Amino acid sequence: MAELSPVDLVVMGCVAAGEDGARLGKGGGFADLEFALATAAGLIGPRTVSVTTVHELQVCAAGTIPLTGHDVPVDFIITPERVIDCRPRHRPRTAARICWDDLTEEKIAAIPLLSAQRAGPR
């Protein structure tokens, strides 16, 4: 990853988003894991903006979608009708880290970057 430059913007997919920045994905946690890996590699930092795009029908009230320790909230939700600024409502993204206890051996083995991260210092 040494040849990659830090990014200014991350677009994260979801099936629903809360007005507080919480996202509901497909349930695998892969987007959060990729975000944590990119953060660990120095590609995502505190100034990196995260957004998602959804239809207005996919927006839920704040507090509707629960956030766990590994979930990465978005800063902005973009719909065809509006832009929702979630930054003041969600917790800081300092929690964007790999939660090793939440990962199965199968998932770690299936993702070479995870295997390499585990082999190195945590």
PDB file of N, CA and C in Angstrom:
ATOM      1  N   MET A   1       0.810  -1.198   0.000  1.00  0.00           N
ATOM      2  CA  MET A   1       0.000   0.000   0.000  1.00  0.00           C
ATOM      3  C   MET A   1       0.852   1.260   0.000  1.00  0.00           C
ATOM      4  N   ALA A   2       2.163   1.102  -0.001  1.00  0.00           N
ATOM      5  CA  ALA A   2       3.048   2.263   0.068  1.00  0.00           C
ATOM      6  C   ALA A   2       2.869   3.186  -1.132  1.00  0.00           C
ATOM      7  N   GLU A   3       2.461   2.649  -2.276  1.00  0.00           N
ATOM      8  CA  GLU A   3       2.302   3.464  -3.478  1.00  0.00           C
ATOM      9  C   GLU A   3       0.970   4.226  -3.506  1.00  0.00           C
ATOM     10  N   LEU A   4       0.103   3.987  -2.550  1.00  0.00           N
ATOM     11  CA  LEU A   4      -1.198   4.658  -2.496  1.00  0.00           C
ATOM     12  C   LEU A   4      -1.101   5.948  -1.696  1.00  0.00           C
ATOM     13  N   SER A   5      -1.874   6.936  -2.109  1.00  0.00           N
ATOM     14  CA  SER A   5      -1.917   8.215  -1.400  1.00  0.00           C
ATOM     15  C   SER A   5      -3.144   8.271  -0.510  1.00  0.00           C
ATOM     16  N   PRO A   6      -3.075   9.037   0.587  1.00  0.00           N
ATOM     17  CA  PRO A   6      -4.262   9.203   1.438  1.00  0.00           C
ATOM     18  C   PRO A   6      -5.427   9.768   0.627  1.00  0.00           C
ATOM     19  N   VAL A   7      -6.645   9.404   1.023  1.00  0.00           N
ATOM     20  CA  VAL A   7      -7.836   9.850   0.310  1.00  0.00           C
ATOM     21  C   VAL A   7      -8.563  10.928   1.097  1.00  0.00           C
ATOM     22  N   ASP A   8      -9.256  11.789   0.366  1.00  0.00           N
ATOM     23  CA  ASP A   8     -10.020  12.878   0.978  1.00  0.00           C
ATOM     24  C   ASP A   8     -11.474  12.498   1.200  1.00  0.00           C
ATOM     25  N   LEU A   9     -11.980  11.549   0.394  1.00  0.00           N
ATOM     26  CA  LEU A   9     -13.400  11.201   0.424  1.00  0.00           C
ATOM     27  C   LEU A   9     -13.577   9.700   0.271  1.00  0.00           C
ATOM     28  N   VAL A  10     -14.457   9.130   1.102  1.00  0.00           N
ATOM     29  CA  VAL A  10     -14.810   7.721   1.003  1.00  0.00           C
ATOM     30  C   VAL A  10     -16.322   7.646   0.814  1.00  0.00           C
ATOM     31  N   VAL A  11     -16.751   6.928  -0.221  1.00  0.00           N
ATOM     32  CA  VAL A  11     -18.174   6.695  -0.452  1.00  0.00           C
ATOM     33  C   VAL A  11     -18.466   5.280   0.027  1.00  0.00           C
ATOM     34  N   MET A  12     -19.356   5.169   1.010  1.00  0.00           N
ATOM     35  CA  MET A  12     -19.670   3.871   1.615  1.00  0.00           C
ATOM     36  C   MET A  12     -21.078   3.452   1.224  1.00  0.00           C
ATOM     37  N   GLY A  13     -21.220   2.211   0.818  1.00  0.00           N
ATOM     38  CA  GLY A  13     -22.529   1.703   0.447  1.00  0.00           C
ATOM     39  C   GLY A  13     -23.344   1.320   1.666  1.00  0.00           C
ATOM     40  N   CYS A  14     -24.642   1.303   1.495  1.00  0.00           N
ATOM     41  CA  CYS A  14     -25.529   0.851   2.574  1.00  0.00           C
ATOM     42  C   CYS A  14     -26.919   0.604   2.002  1.00  0.00           C
ATOM     43  N   VAL A  15     -27.740  -0.091   2.785  1.00  0.00           N
ATOM     44  CA  VAL A  15     -29.130  -0.310   2.388  1.00  0.00           C
ATOM     45  C   VAL A  15     -30.056   0.656   3.113  1.00  0.00           C
ATOM     46  N   ALA A  16     -29.562   1.251   4.198  1.00  0.00           N
ATOM     47  CA  ALA A  16     -30.307   2.279   4.924  1.00  0.00           C
ATOM     48  C   ALA A  16     -29.308   3.091   5.727  1.00  0.00           C
ATOM     49  N   ALA A  17     -29.666   4.346   6.015  1.00  0.00           N
ATOM     50  CA  ALA A  17     -28.797   5.220   6.792  1.00  0.00           C
ATOM     51  C   ALA A  17     -29.638   6.020   7.775  1.00  0.00           C
ATOM     52  N   GLY A  18     -29.123   6.157   8.986  1.00  0.00           N
ATOM     53  CA  GLY A  18     -29.799   6.963   9.994  1.00  0.00           C
ATOM     54  C   GLY A  18     -29.345   8.401   9.902  1.00  0.00           C
ATOM     55  N   GLU A  19     -30.204   9.319  10.256  1.00  0.00           N
ATOM     56  CA  GLU A  19     -29.851  10.740  10.204  1.00  0.00           C
ATOM     57  C   GLU A  19     -28.703  11.098  11.138  1.00  0.00           C
ATOM     58  N   ASP A  20     -28.311  10.153  12.000  1.00  0.00           N
ATOM     59  CA  ASP A  20     -27.157  10.348  12.876  1.00  0.00           C
ATOM     60  C   ASP A  20     -25.865   9.809  12.264  1.00  0.00           C
ATOM     61  N   GLY A  21     -25.936   9.309  11.025  1.00  0.00           N
ATOM     62  CA  GLY A  21     -24.750   8.801  10.339  1.00  0.00           C
ATOM     63  C   GLY A  21     -24.587   7.295  10.402  1.00  0.00           C
ATOM     64  N   ALA A  22     -25.409   6.606  11.178  1.00  0.00           N
ATOM     65  CA  ALA A  22     -25.322   5.140  11.254  1.00  0.00           C
ATOM     66  C   ALA A  22     -25.733   4.543   9.911  1.00  0.00           C
ATOM     67  N   ARG A  23     -25.058   3.454   9.530  1.00  0.00           N
ATOM     68  CA  ARG A  23     -25.364   2.780   8.273  1.00  0.00           C
ATOM     69  C   ARG A  23     -25.803   1.357   8.552  1.00  0.00           C
ATOM     70  N   LEU A  24     -26.671   0.862   7.709  1.00  0.00           N
ATOM     71  CA  LEU A  24     -27.064  -0.540   7.746  1.00  0.00           C
ATOM     72  C   LEU A  24     -26.631  -1.146   6.422  1.00  0.00           C
ATOM     73  N   GLY A  25     -25.717  -2.098   6.496  1.00  0.00           N
ATOM     74  CA  GLY A  25     -25.216  -2.732   5.279  1.00  0.00           C
ATOM     75  C   GLY A  25     -25.862  -4.087   5.081  1.00  0.00           C
ATOM     76  N   LYS A  26     -25.132  -4.969   4.419  1.00  0.00           N
ATOM     77  CA  LYS A  26     -25.644  -6.312   4.158  1.00  0.00           C
ATOM     78  C   LYS A  26     -25.372  -7.256   5.326  1.00  0.00           C
ATOM     79  N   GLY A  27     -24.640  -6.795   6.328  1.00  0.00           N
ATOM     80  CA  GLY A  27     -24.417  -7.605   7.515  1.00  0.00           C
ATOM     81  C   GLY A  27     -23.064  -8.267   7.617  1.00  0.00           C
ATOM     82  N   GLY A  28     -22.208  -8.123   6.632  1.00  0.00           N
ATOM     83  CA  GLY A  28     -20.896  -8.752   6.700  1.00  0.00           C
ATOM     84  C   GLY A  28     -19.830  -7.906   7.366  1.00  0.00           C
ATOM     85  N   GLY A  29     -20.071  -6.619   7.486  1.00  0.00           N
ATOM     86  CA  GLY A  29     -19.098  -5.727   8.100  1.00  0.00           C
ATOM     87  C   GLY A  29     -17.892  -5.435   7.223  1.00  0.00           C
ATOM     88  N   PHE A  30     -17.983  -5.744   5.930  1.00  0.00           N
ATOM     89  CA  PHE A  30     -16.828  -5.573   5.053  1.00  0.00           C
ATOM     90  C   PHE A  30     -16.468  -4.106   4.825  1.00  0.00           C
ATOM     91  N   ALA A  31     -17.451  -3.230   4.699  1.00  0.00           N
ATOM     92  CA  ALA A  31     -17.154  -1.803   4.488  1.00  0.00           C
ATOM     93  C   ALA A  31     -16.417  -1.237   5.695  1.00  0.00           C
ATOM     94  N   ASP A  32     -16.866  -1.599   6.900  1.00  0.00           N
ATOM     95  CA  ASP A  32     -16.200  -1.127   8.118  1.00  0.00           C
ATOM     96  C   ASP A  32     -14.786  -1.694   8.219  1.00  0.00           C
ATOM     97  N   LEU A  33     -14.627  -2.940   7.821  1.00  0.00           N
ATOM     98  CA  LEU A  33     -13.323  -3.589   7.856  1.00  0.00           C
ATOM     99  C   LEU A  33     -12.361  -2.935   6.860  1.00  0.00           C
ATOM    100  N   GLU A  34     -12.842  -2.661   5.651  1.00  0.00           N
ATOM    101  CA  GLU A  34     -12.007  -1.979   4.659  1.00  0.00           C
ATOM    102  C   GLU A  34     -11.611  -0.594   5.160  1.00  0.00           C
ATOM    103  N   PHE A  35     -12.550   0.108   5.792  1.00  0.00           N
ATOM    104  CA  PHE A  35     -12.267   1.431   6.346  1.00  0.00           C
ATOM    105  C   PHE A  35     -11.184   1.328   7.422  1.00  0.00           C
ATOM    106  N   ALA A  36     -11.291   0.324   8.300  1.00  0.00           N
ATOM    107  CA  ALA A  36     -10.308   0.133   9.365  1.00  0.00           C
ATOM    108  C   ALA A  36      -8.932  -0.224   8.798  1.00  0.00           C
ATOM    109  N   LEU A  37      -8.902  -1.071   7.774  1.00  0.00           N
ATOM    110  CA  LEU A  37      -7.626  -1.426   7.142  1.00  0.00           C
ATOM    111  C   LEU A  37      -6.978  -0.215   6.490  1.00  0.00           C
ATOM    112  N   ALA A  38      -7.784   0.599   5.807  1.00  0.00           N
ATOM    113  CA  ALA A  38      -7.250   1.805   5.164  1.00  0.00           C
ATOM    114  C   ALA A  38      -6.782   2.817   6.207  1.00  0.00           C
ATOM    115  N   THR A  39      -7.480   2.882   7.338  1.00  0.00           N
ATOM    116  CA  THR A  39      -7.058   3.767   8.421  1.00  0.00           C
ATOM    117  C   THR A  39      -5.727   3.299   8.994  1.00  0.00           C
ATOM    118  N   ALA A  40      -5.605   1.998   9.236  1.00  0.00           N
ATOM    119  CA  ALA A  40      -4.361   1.438   9.769  1.00  0.00           C
ATOM    120  C   ALA A  40      -3.192   1.657   8.820  1.00  0.00           C
ATOM    121  N   ALA A  41      -3.483   1.696   7.517  1.00  0.00           N
ATOM    122  CA  ALA A  41      -2.436   1.908   6.510  1.00  0.00           C
ATOM    123  C   ALA A  41      -2.122   3.389   6.305  1.00  0.00           C
ATOM    124  N   GLY A  42      -2.846   4.268   7.001  1.00  0.00           N
ATOM    125  CA  GLY A  42      -2.596   5.702   6.858  1.00  0.00           C
ATOM    126  C   GLY A  42      -3.261   6.325   5.650  1.00  0.00           C
ATOM    127  N   LEU A  43      -4.168   5.590   5.000  1.00  0.00           N
ATOM    128  CA  LEU A  43      -4.837   6.112   3.808  1.00  0.00           C
ATOM    129  C   LEU A  43      -6.072   6.932   4.152  1.00  0.00           C
ATOM    130  N   ILE A  44      -6.636   6.690   5.325  1.00  0.00           N
ATOM    131  CA  ILE A  44      -7.786   7.441   5.818  1.00  0.00           C
ATOM    132  C   ILE A  44      -7.388   8.075   7.135  1.00  0.00           C
ATOM    133  N   GLY A  45      -7.662   9.361   7.265  1.00  0.00           N
ATOM    134  CA  GLY A  45      -7.305  10.075   8.482  1.00  0.00           C
ATOM    135  C   GLY A  45      -8.487  10.829   9.047  1.00  0.00           C
ATOM    136  N   PRO A  46      -8.255  11.612  10.085  1.00  0.00           N
ATOM    137  CA  PRO A  46      -9.354  12.325  10.744  1.00  0.00           C
ATOM    138  C   PRO A  46     -10.053  13.351   9.847  1.00  0.00           C
ATOM    139  N   ARG A  47      -9.390  13.806   8.808  1.00  0.00           N
ATOM    140  CA  ARG A  47      -9.999  14.789   7.904  1.00  0.00           C
ATOM    141  C   ARG A  47     -10.704  14.156   6.709  1.00  0.00           C
ATOM    142  N   THR A  48     -10.583  12.844   6.557  1.00  0.00           N
ATOM    143  CA  THR A  48     -11.249  12.154   5.454  1.00  0.00           C
ATOM    144  C   THR A  48     -12.757  12.195   5.678  1.00  0.00           C
ATOM    145  N   VAL A  49     -13.486  12.605   4.653  1.00  0.00           N
ATOM    146  CA  VAL A  49     -14.943  12.707   4.722  1.00  0.00           C
ATOM    147  C   VAL A  49     -15.548  11.412   4.202  1.00  0.00           C
ATOM    148  N   SER A  50     -16.554  10.906   4.912  1.00  0.00           N
ATOM    149  CA  SER A  50     -17.251   9.703   4.455  1.00  0.00           C
ATOM    150  C   SER A  50     -18.702  10.058   4.134  1.00  0.00           C
ATOM    151  N   VAL A  51     -19.181   9.521   3.011  1.00  0.00           N
ATOM    152  CA  VAL A  51     -20.543   9.802   2.561  1.00  0.00           C
ATOM    153  C   VAL A  51     -21.211   8.514   2.101  1.00  0.00           C
ATOM    154  N   THR A  52     -22.528   8.554   2.034  1.00  0.00           N
ATOM    155  CA  THR A  52     -23.278   7.485   1.389  1.00  0.00           C
ATOM    156  C   THR A  52     -24.377   8.133   0.558  1.00  0.00           C
ATOM    157  N   THR A  53     -24.816   7.425  -0.448  1.00  0.00           N
ATOM    158  CA  THR A  53     -25.922   7.896  -1.278  1.00  0.00           C
ATOM    159  C   THR A  53     -27.053   6.895  -1.171  1.00  0.00           C
ATOM    160  N   VAL A  54     -28.250   7.394  -0.887  1.00  0.00           N
ATOM    161  CA  VAL A  54     -29.424   6.546  -0.758  1.00  0.00           C
ATOM    162  C   VAL A  54     -30.646   7.292  -1.284  1.00  0.00           C
ATOM    163  N   HIS A  55     -31.713   6.563  -1.509  1.00  0.00           N
ATOM    164  CA  HIS A  55     -33.002   7.172  -1.823  1.00  0.00           C
ATOM    165  C   HIS A  55     -33.582   7.709  -0.516  1.00  0.00           C
ATOM    166  N   GLU A  56     -34.395   8.700  -0.603  1.00  0.00           N
ATOM    167  CA  GLU A  56     -35.007   9.294   0.591  1.00  0.00           C
ATOM    168  C   GLU A  56     -35.735   8.251   1.444  1.00  0.00           C
ATOM    169  N   LEU A  57     -36.312   7.236   0.800  1.00  0.00           N
ATOM    170  CA  LEU A  57     -37.009   6.181   1.539  1.00  0.00           C
ATOM    171  C   LEU A  57     -36.067   5.327   2.392  1.00  0.00           C
ATOM    172  N   GLN A  58     -34.773   5.394   2.127  1.00  0.00           N
ATOM    173  CA  GLN A  58     -33.790   4.606   2.864  1.00  0.00           C
ATOM    174  C   GLN A  58     -33.221   5.361   4.068  1.00  0.00           C
ATOM    175  N   VAL A  59     -33.676   6.561   4.323  1.00  0.00           N
ATOM    176  CA  VAL A  59     -33.203   7.353   5.453  1.00  0.00           C
ATOM    177  C   VAL A  59     -34.096   7.077   6.658  1.00  0.00           C
ATOM    178  N   CYS A  60     -33.475   6.743   7.787  1.00  0.00           N
ATOM    179  CA  CYS A  60     -34.184   6.457   9.038  1.00  0.00           C
ATOM    180  C   CYS A  60     -33.914   7.566  10.048  1.00  0.00           C
ATOM    181  N   ALA A  61     -34.756   7.647  11.034  1.00  0.00           N
ATOM    182  CA  ALA A  61     -34.556   8.624  12.106  1.00  0.00           C
ATOM    183  C   ALA A  61     -33.284   8.300  12.886  1.00  0.00           C
ATOM    184  N   ALA A  62     -32.674   9.314  13.462  1.00  0.00           N
ATOM    185  CA  ALA A  62     -31.498   9.120  14.308  1.00  0.00           C
ATOM    186  C   ALA A  62     -31.835   8.147  15.433  1.00  0.00           C
ATOM    187  N   GLY A  63     -30.895   7.251  15.734  1.00  0.00           N
ATOM    188  CA  GLY A  63     -31.095   6.284  16.808  1.00  0.00           C
ATOM    189  C   GLY A  63     -31.791   5.009  16.387  1.00  0.00           C
ATOM    190  N   THR A  64     -32.267   4.939  15.157  1.00  0.00           N
ATOM    191  CA  THR A  64     -32.981   3.757  14.673  1.00  0.00           C
ATOM    192  C   THR A  64     -32.021   2.613  14.362  1.00  0.00           C
ATOM    193  N   ILE A  65     -30.871   2.933  13.796  1.00  0.00           N
ATOM    194  CA  ILE A  65     -29.875   1.927  13.423  1.00  0.00           C
ATOM    195  C   ILE A  65     -28.810   1.891  14.521  1.00  0.00           C
ATOM    196  N   PRO A  66     -28.643   0.752  15.179  1.00  0.00           N
ATOM    197  CA  PRO A  66     -27.648   0.685  16.262  1.00  0.00           C
ATOM    198  C   PRO A  66     -26.221   0.711  15.721  1.00  0.00           C
ATOM    199  N   LEU A  67     -25.319   1.304  16.485  1.00  0.00           N
ATOM    200  CA  LEU A  67     -23.902   1.325  16.150  1.00  0.00           C
ATOM    201  C   LEU A  67     -23.152   0.412  17.115  1.00  0.00           C
ATOM    202  N   THR A  68     -22.324  -0.484  16.571  1.00  0.00           N
ATOM    203  CA  THR A  68     -21.479  -1.328  17.406  1.00  0.00           C
ATOM    204  C   THR A  68     -20.067  -0.756  17.401  1.00  0.00           C
ATOM    205  N   GLY A  69     -19.164  -1.397  18.114  1.00  0.00           N
ATOM    206  CA  GLY A  69     -17.805  -0.889  18.251  1.00  0.00           C
ATOM    207  C   GLY A  69     -17.022  -0.785  16.961  1.00  0.00           C
ATOM    208  N   HIS A  70     -17.349  -1.590  15.961  1.00  0.00           N
ATOM    209  CA  HIS A  70     -16.590  -1.554  14.707  1.00  0.00           C
ATOM    210  C   HIS A  70     -17.296  -0.761  13.597  1.00  0.00           C
ATOM    211  N   ASP A  71     -18.512  -0.311  13.842  1.00  0.00           N
ATOM    212  CA  ASP A  71     -19.260   0.403  12.806  1.00  0.00           C
ATOM    213  C   ASP A  71     -18.685   1.795  12.546  1.00  0.00           C
ATOM    214  N   VAL A  72     -18.617   2.143  11.279  1.00  0.00           N
ATOM    215  CA  VAL A  72     -18.120   3.458  10.866  1.00  0.00           C
ATOM    216  C   VAL A  72     -19.298   4.290  10.383  1.00  0.00           C
ATOM    217  N   PRO A  73     -19.647   5.343  11.100  1.00  0.00           N
ATOM    218  CA  PRO A  73     -20.736   6.209  10.644  1.00  0.00           C
ATOM    219  C   PRO A  73     -20.267   7.105   9.498  1.00  0.00           C
ATOM    220  N   VAL A  74     -21.209   7.627   8.737  1.00  0.00           N
ATOM    221  CA  VAL A  74     -20.871   8.541   7.652  1.00  0.00           C
ATOM    222  C   VAL A  74     -21.035   9.988   8.108  1.00  0.00           C
ATOM    223  N   ASP A  75     -20.321  10.873   7.434  1.00  0.00           N
ATOM    224  CA  ASP A  75     -20.411  12.301   7.732  1.00  0.00           C
ATOM    225  C   ASP A  75     -21.606  12.943   7.030  1.00  0.00           C
ATOM    226  N   PHE A  76     -21.899  12.450   5.822  1.00  0.00           N
ATOM    227  CA  PHE A  76     -22.991  13.015   5.039  1.00  0.00           C
ATOM    228  C   PHE A  76     -23.799  11.906   4.390  1.00  0.00           C
ATOM    229  N   ILE A  77     -25.110  12.102   4.331  1.00  0.00           N
ATOM    230  CA  ILE A  77     -26.009  11.233   3.572  1.00  0.00           C
ATOM    231  C   ILE A  77     -26.543  12.075   2.429  1.00  0.00           C
ATOM    232  N   ILE A  78     -26.399  11.573   1.206  1.00  0.00           N
ATOM    233  CA  ILE A  78     -26.853  12.282   0.024  1.00  0.00           C
ATOM    234  C   ILE A  78     -28.067  11.558  -0.542  1.00  0.00           C
ATOM    235  N   THR A  79     -29.176  12.261  -0.674  1.00  0.00           N
ATOM    236  CA  THR A  79     -30.372  11.706  -1.310  1.00  0.00           C
ATOM    237  C   THR A  79     -30.685  12.597  -2.506  1.00  0.00           C
ATOM    238  N   PRO A  80     -31.598  12.185  -3.381  1.00  0.00           N
ATOM    239  CA  PRO A  80     -31.978  13.073  -4.486  1.00  0.00           C
ATOM    240  C   PRO A  80     -32.596  14.399  -4.000  1.00  0.00           C
ATOM    241  N   GLU A  81     -33.127  14.410  -2.778  1.00  0.00           N
ATOM    242  CA  GLU A  81     -33.804  15.595  -2.272  1.00  0.00           C
ATOM    243  C   GLU A  81     -32.955  16.484  -1.377  1.00  0.00           C
ATOM    244  N   ARG A  82     -31.933  15.907  -0.697  1.00  0.00           N
ATOM    245  CA  ARG A  82     -31.190  16.706   0.282  1.00  0.00           C
ATOM    246  C   ARG A  82     -29.832  16.115   0.624  1.00  0.00           C
ATOM    247  N   VAL A  83     -29.064  16.913   1.310  1.00  0.00           N
ATOM    248  CA  VAL A  83     -27.787  16.495   1.876  1.00  0.00           C
ATOM    249  C   VAL A  83     -27.933  16.592   3.395  1.00  0.00           C
ATOM    250  N   ILE A  84     -27.714  15.474   4.089  1.00  0.00           N
ATOM    251  CA  ILE A  84     -27.854  15.440   5.537  1.00  0.00           C
ATOM    252  C   ILE A  84     -26.458  15.445   6.156  1.00  0.00           C
ATOM    253  N   ASP A  85     -26.167  16.469   6.921  1.00  0.00           N
ATOM    254  CA  ASP A  85     -24.879  16.588   7.596  1.00  0.00           C
ATOM    255  C   ASP A  85     -24.988  15.868   8.939  1.00  0.00           C
ATOM    256  N   CYS A  86     -24.290  14.755   9.070  1.00  0.00           N
ATOM    257  CA  CYS A  86     -24.366  13.926  10.272  1.00  0.00           C
ATOM    258  C   CYS A  86     -23.208  14.176  11.231  1.00  0.00           C
ATOM    259  N   ARG A  87     -22.272  15.002  10.842  1.00  0.00           N
ATOM    260  CA  ARG A  87     -21.046  15.155  11.646  1.00  0.00           C
ATOM    261  C   ARG A  87     -21.288  15.528  13.107  1.00  0.00           C
ATOM    262  N   PRO A  88     -22.163  16.472  13.416  1.00  0.00           N
ATOM    263  CA  PRO A  88     -22.302  16.795  14.842  1.00  0.00           C
ATOM    264  C   PRO A  88     -23.045  15.733  15.642  1.00  0.00           C
ATOM    265  N   ARG A  89     -23.671  14.772  14.968  1.00  0.00           N
ATOM    266  CA  ARG A  89     -24.521  13.807  15.666  1.00  0.00           C
ATOM    267  C   ARG A  89     -23.858  12.473  15.957  1.00  0.00           C
ATOM    268  N   HIS A  90     -22.818  12.116  15.217  1.00  0.00           N
ATOM    269  CA  HIS A  90     -22.224  10.797  15.483  1.00  0.00           C
ATOM    270  C   HIS A  90     -20.943  10.923  16.290  1.00  0.00           C
ATOM    271  N   ARG A  91     -20.562   9.803  16.853  1.00  0.00           N
ATOM    272  CA  ARG A  91     -19.336   9.769  17.638  1.00  0.00           C
ATOM    273  C   ARG A  91     -18.129   9.937  16.730  1.00  0.00           C
ATOM    274  N   PRO A  92     -17.017  10.347  17.270  1.00  0.00           N
ATOM    275  CA  PRO A  92     -15.807  10.461  16.438  1.00  0.00           C
ATOM    276  C   PRO A  92     -15.429   9.112  15.843  1.00  0.00           C
ATOM    277  N   ARG A  93     -14.791   9.139  14.691  1.00  0.00           N
ATOM    278  CA  ARG A  93     -14.411   7.906  14.013  1.00  0.00           C
ATOM    279  C   ARG A  93     -13.111   7.336  14.538  1.00  0.00           C
ATOM    280  N   THR A  94     -12.660   7.765  15.686  1.00  0.00           N
ATOM    281  CA  THR A  94     -11.430   7.205  16.229  1.00  0.00           C
ATOM    282  C   THR A  94     -11.582   5.713  16.483  1.00  0.00           C
ATOM    283  N   ALA A  95     -12.823   5.233  16.503  1.00  0.00           N
ATOM    284  CA  ALA A  95     -13.073   3.808  16.720  1.00  0.00           C
ATOM    285  C   ALA A  95     -12.895   3.001  15.442  1.00  0.00           C
ATOM    286  N   ALA A  96     -12.469   3.635  14.343  1.00  0.00           N
ATOM    287  CA  ALA A  96     -12.266   2.910  13.087  1.00  0.00           C
ATOM    288  C   ALA A  96     -11.026   2.043  13.227  1.00  0.00           C
ATOM    289  N   ARG A  97     -11.232   0.879  13.788  1.00  0.00           N
ATOM    290  CA  ARG A  97     -10.134  -0.048  14.023  1.00  0.00           C
ATOM    291  C   ARG A  97     -10.629  -1.468  13.773  1.00  0.00           C
ATOM    292  N   ILE A  98      -9.705  -2.353  13.646  1.00  0.00           N
ATOM    293  CA  ILE A  98     -10.054  -3.752  13.427  1.00  0.00           C
ATOM    294  C   ILE A  98     -10.398  -4.376  14.774  1.00  0.00           C
ATOM    295  N   CYS A  99     -11.584  -4.910  14.902  1.00  0.00           N
ATOM    296  CA  CYS A  99     -12.026  -5.596  16.129  1.00  0.00           C
ATOM    297  C   CYS A  99     -11.771  -7.093  15.933  1.00  0.00           C
ATOM    298  N   TRP A 100     -10.593  -7.533  16.302  1.00  0.00           N
ATOM    299  CA  TRP A 100     -10.175  -8.906  16.040  1.00  0.00           C
ATOM    300  C   TRP A 100     -11.095  -9.931  16.670  1.00  0.00           C
ATOM    301  N   ASP A 101     -11.640  -9.636  17.828  1.00  0.00           N
ATOM    302  CA  ASP A 101     -12.518 -10.594  18.506  1.00  0.00           C
ATOM    303  C   ASP A 101     -13.818 -10.831  17.732  1.00  0.00           C
ATOM    304  N   ASP A 102     -14.193  -9.901  16.853  1.00  0.00           N
ATOM    305  CA  ASP A 102     -15.426 -10.032  16.070  1.00  0.00           C
ATOM    306  C   ASP A 102     -15.222 -10.807  14.769  1.00  0.00           C
ATOM    307  N   LEU A 103     -13.982 -11.138  14.434  1.00  0.00           N
ATOM    308  CA  LEU A 103     -13.677 -11.784  13.160  1.00  0.00           C
ATOM    309  C   LEU A 103     -13.504 -13.289  13.321  1.00  0.00           C
ATOM    310  N   THR A 104     -14.050 -14.020  12.368  1.00  0.00           N
ATOM    311  CA  THR A 104     -13.854 -15.473  12.357  1.00  0.00           C
ATOM    312  C   THR A 104     -12.538 -15.794  11.663  1.00  0.00           C
ATOM    313  N   GLU A 105     -12.024 -16.957  11.944  1.00  0.00           N
ATOM    314  CA  GLU A 105     -10.793 -17.403  11.275  1.00  0.00           C
ATOM    315  C   GLU A 105     -11.004 -17.477   9.760  1.00  0.00           C
ATOM    316  N   GLU A 106     -12.209 -17.868   9.343  1.00  0.00           N
ATOM    317  CA  GLU A 106     -12.516 -17.966   7.910  1.00  0.00           C
ATOM    318  C   GLU A 106     -12.435 -16.591   7.240  1.00  0.00           C
ATOM    319  N   LYS A 107     -12.970 -15.566   7.907  1.00  0.00           N
ATOM    320  CA  LYS A 107     -12.946 -14.231   7.325  1.00  0.00           C
ATOM    321  C   LYS A 107     -11.511 -13.710   7.253  1.00  0.00           C
ATOM    322  N   ILE A 108     -10.739 -13.940   8.299  1.00  0.00           N
ATOM    323  CA  ILE A 108      -9.338 -13.499   8.302  1.00  0.00           C
ATOM    324  C   ILE A 108      -8.573 -14.202   7.187  1.00  0.00           C
ATOM    325  N   ALA A 109      -8.791 -15.496   7.025  1.00  0.00           N
ATOM    326  CA  ALA A 109      -8.094 -16.253   5.984  1.00  0.00           C
ATOM    327  C   ALA A 109      -8.516 -15.810   4.586  1.00  0.00           C
ATOM    328  N   ALA A 110      -9.752 -15.364   4.430  1.00  0.00           N
ATOM    329  CA  ALA A 110     -10.263 -14.971   3.116  1.00  0.00           C
ATOM    330  C   ALA A 110      -9.774 -13.593   2.679  1.00  0.00           C
ATOM    331  N   ILE A 111      -9.258 -12.817   3.602  1.00  0.00           N
ATOM    332  CA  ILE A 111      -8.827 -11.449   3.281  1.00  0.00           C
ATOM    333  C   ILE A 111      -7.330 -11.343   3.564  1.00  0.00           C
ATOM    334  N   PRO A 112      -6.490 -11.408   2.526  1.00  0.00           N
ATOM    335  CA  PRO A 112      -5.039 -11.409   2.724  1.00  0.00           C
ATOM    336  C   PRO A 112      -4.514 -10.222   3.545  1.00  0.00           C
ATOM    337  N   LEU A 113      -5.107  -9.041   3.378  1.00  0.00           N
ATOM    338  CA  LEU A 113      -4.651  -7.891   4.160  1.00  0.00           C
ATOM    339  C   LEU A 113      -4.893  -8.090   5.648  1.00  0.00           C
ATOM    340  N   LEU A 114      -5.973  -8.779   6.000  1.00  0.00           N
ATOM    341  CA  LEU A 114      -6.227  -9.062   7.412  1.00  0.00           C
ATOM    342  C   LEU A 114      -5.182 -10.020   7.969  1.00  0.00           C
ATOM    343  N   SER A 115      -4.878 -11.041   7.205  1.00  0.00           N
ATOM    344  CA  SER A 115      -3.871 -11.996   7.634  1.00  0.00           C
ATOM    345  C   SER A 115      -2.536 -11.305   7.853  1.00  0.00           C
ATOM    346  N   ALA A 116      -2.181 -10.400   6.965  1.00  0.00           N
ATOM    347  CA  ALA A 116      -0.920  -9.657   7.097  1.00  0.00           C
ATOM    348  C   ALA A 116      -0.954  -8.742   8.308  1.00  0.00           C
ATOM    349  N   GLN A 117      -2.095  -8.085   8.559  1.00  0.00           N
ATOM    350  CA  GLN A 117      -2.217  -7.209   9.722  1.00  0.00           C
ATOM    351  C   GLN A 117      -2.083  -7.998  11.021  1.00  0.00           C
ATOM    352  N   ARG A 118      -2.692  -9.165  11.065  1.00  0.00           N
ATOM    353  CA  ARG A 118      -2.641  -9.974  12.279  1.00  0.00           C
ATOM    354  C   ARG A 118      -1.227 -10.465  12.530  1.00  0.00           C
ATOM    355  N   ALA A 119      -0.500 -10.743  11.486  1.00  0.00           N
ATOM    356  CA  ALA A 119       0.870 -11.234  11.641  1.00  0.00           C
ATOM    357  C   ALA A 119       1.784 -10.153  12.206  1.00  0.00           C
ATOM    358  N   GLY A 120       1.435  -8.865  11.924  1.00  0.00           N
ATOM    359  CA  GLY A 120       2.229  -7.755  12.410  1.00  0.00           C
ATOM    360  C   GLY A 120       1.783  -7.304  13.789  1.00  0.00           C
ATOM    361  N   PRO A 121       2.386  -6.215  14.304  1.00  0.00           N
ATOM    362  CA  PRO A 121       1.988  -5.705  15.619  1.00  0.00           C
ATOM    363  C   PRO A 121       0.576  -5.143  15.607  1.00  0.00           C
ATOM    364  N   ARG A 122      -0.162  -5.371  16.701  1.00  0.00           N
ATOM    365  CA  ARG A 122      -1.525  -4.842  16.837  1.00  0.00           C
ATOM    366  C   ARG A 122      -1.484  -3.664  17.725  1.00  0.00           C
TER     367      ARG A 122
END
